Protein backbone atom coordinates (compact mmCIF):
# COMPACT_ATOMS: atom_id res chain seq x y z
CA MET A 1 48.12 -157.20 -85.31
CA THR A 2 51.13 -156.24 -87.40
CA ASP A 3 49.12 -153.55 -89.21
CA THR A 4 48.20 -151.93 -85.90
CA HIS A 5 51.80 -152.05 -84.71
CA ASP A 6 53.03 -150.58 -88.01
CA ALA A 7 50.43 -147.81 -87.82
CA GLN A 8 51.53 -146.95 -84.28
CA GLN A 9 55.17 -146.84 -85.34
CA GLU A 10 54.28 -144.58 -88.26
CA GLN A 11 52.40 -142.22 -85.95
CA ASP A 12 55.34 -142.22 -83.55
CA GLN A 13 57.70 -141.28 -86.37
CA GLN A 14 55.40 -138.43 -87.37
CA GLY A 15 55.52 -137.16 -83.78
CA GLN A 16 51.81 -137.59 -83.09
CA HIS A 17 52.17 -139.61 -79.88
CA GLN A 18 54.28 -142.09 -78.09
CA TYR A 19 52.74 -145.39 -77.03
CA PRO A 20 53.03 -146.62 -74.38
CA PRO A 21 53.54 -143.44 -72.36
CA SER A 22 56.72 -143.23 -70.35
CA THR A 23 56.81 -143.61 -66.59
CA GLY A 24 57.62 -139.91 -66.34
CA GLU A 25 54.42 -139.01 -68.17
CA TYR A 26 52.41 -141.11 -65.74
CA TRP A 27 54.07 -139.32 -62.82
CA GLN A 28 53.22 -135.96 -64.38
CA ILE A 29 49.57 -136.92 -64.71
CA ALA A 30 49.58 -138.24 -61.14
CA ALA A 31 51.00 -134.90 -59.94
CA ILE A 32 48.33 -132.98 -61.85
CA LEU A 33 45.64 -135.21 -60.33
CA ALA A 34 47.09 -134.63 -56.86
CA VAL A 35 47.01 -130.86 -57.36
CA LEU A 36 43.42 -130.98 -58.65
CA THR A 37 42.45 -133.08 -55.63
CA ALA A 38 44.09 -130.56 -53.29
CA VAL A 39 42.13 -127.76 -55.00
CA GLU A 40 38.93 -129.79 -54.58
CA ILE A 41 39.60 -130.27 -50.88
CA GLY A 42 40.34 -126.57 -50.48
CA LEU A 43 37.15 -125.68 -52.32
CA TYR A 44 35.15 -128.03 -50.10
CA TYR A 45 36.52 -126.45 -46.93
CA ALA A 46 35.97 -122.97 -48.37
CA GLY A 47 32.33 -123.94 -48.88
CA GLN A 48 32.16 -125.14 -45.28
CA ALA A 49 33.65 -121.83 -44.15
CA GLY A 50 30.93 -119.83 -45.86
CA MET A 51 31.84 -119.50 -49.54
CA ALA A 52 28.73 -119.38 -51.70
CA ALA A 53 27.43 -122.72 -52.93
CA SER A 54 26.98 -121.12 -56.36
CA VAL A 55 30.79 -121.03 -56.56
CA THR A 56 31.81 -124.21 -54.76
CA ILE A 57 29.41 -126.70 -56.35
CA PRO A 58 30.13 -125.80 -60.01
CA GLY A 59 33.84 -125.63 -59.17
CA LEU A 60 33.77 -129.11 -57.66
CA ILE A 61 31.83 -130.47 -60.63
CA ILE A 62 34.30 -128.97 -63.12
CA LEU A 63 37.30 -130.32 -61.21
CA THR A 64 35.69 -133.76 -61.00
CA ILE A 65 35.10 -133.80 -64.75
CA LEU A 66 38.70 -132.75 -65.41
CA LYS A 67 40.05 -135.52 -63.20
CA PHE A 68 37.73 -138.06 -64.82
CA VAL A 69 38.89 -137.09 -68.30
CA LEU A 70 42.57 -137.30 -67.33
CA VAL A 71 42.14 -140.74 -65.79
CA VAL A 72 40.19 -142.05 -68.77
CA LEU A 73 42.56 -140.64 -71.37
CA TRP A 74 45.82 -141.67 -69.72
CA PHE A 75 45.32 -144.51 -67.28
CA MET A 76 42.61 -146.27 -69.29
CA HIS A 77 44.54 -145.54 -72.53
CA LEU A 78 41.53 -144.11 -74.36
CA ARG A 79 43.85 -141.47 -75.79
CA PHE A 80 45.59 -144.14 -77.83
CA ASP A 81 42.52 -146.07 -78.99
CA ARG A 82 40.85 -145.85 -82.36
CA PRO A 83 38.76 -142.68 -82.96
CA VAL A 84 35.52 -144.67 -83.19
CA LEU A 85 35.99 -145.87 -79.61
CA ASN A 86 36.62 -142.30 -78.47
CA ARG A 87 33.40 -141.17 -80.15
CA LEU A 88 31.40 -143.98 -78.56
CA PHE A 89 32.78 -143.07 -75.16
CA ILE A 90 31.98 -139.38 -75.62
CA ILE A 91 28.43 -140.16 -76.81
CA GLY A 92 27.88 -142.33 -73.73
CA LEU A 93 29.30 -139.61 -71.49
CA ILE A 94 27.02 -136.98 -73.01
CA PHE A 95 24.03 -139.30 -72.64
CA ALA A 96 24.90 -139.91 -68.97
CA GLY A 97 25.26 -136.15 -68.38
CA VAL A 98 21.91 -135.41 -69.98
CA LEU A 99 20.25 -138.17 -67.97
CA TYR A 100 21.86 -136.89 -64.77
CA GLY A 101 20.64 -133.37 -65.55
CA ILE A 102 17.07 -134.56 -66.18
CA VAL A 103 17.00 -136.53 -62.94
CA ALA A 104 18.46 -133.55 -61.03
CA LEU A 105 15.79 -131.23 -62.47
CA ILE A 106 12.99 -133.64 -61.63
CA THR A 107 14.32 -134.09 -58.11
CA LEU A 108 14.72 -130.35 -57.47
CA THR A 109 11.21 -129.40 -58.64
């Protein structure tokens, strides 16, 4: 436990990151998430108003992925975990994306 704490202090001194994040940083992320959500809502209504689905659907997917990554990195503290945990999470995310793509292709054909 002490080794982990010492390692975090050493990283803080080197300027790599601050743990735990300040309240202000959480508010900044919340504001970014709110803006991304507003863009998603606008994109949805633009699609309802006649914007091409080839624009709205990929846009919504990209915004959803961005929001997911922000929530996982900041609010679930994955950003501050050991690199091996980050890699495991990314491998699982890639696997889920590939599986989702395969199911989508099978369903559409």
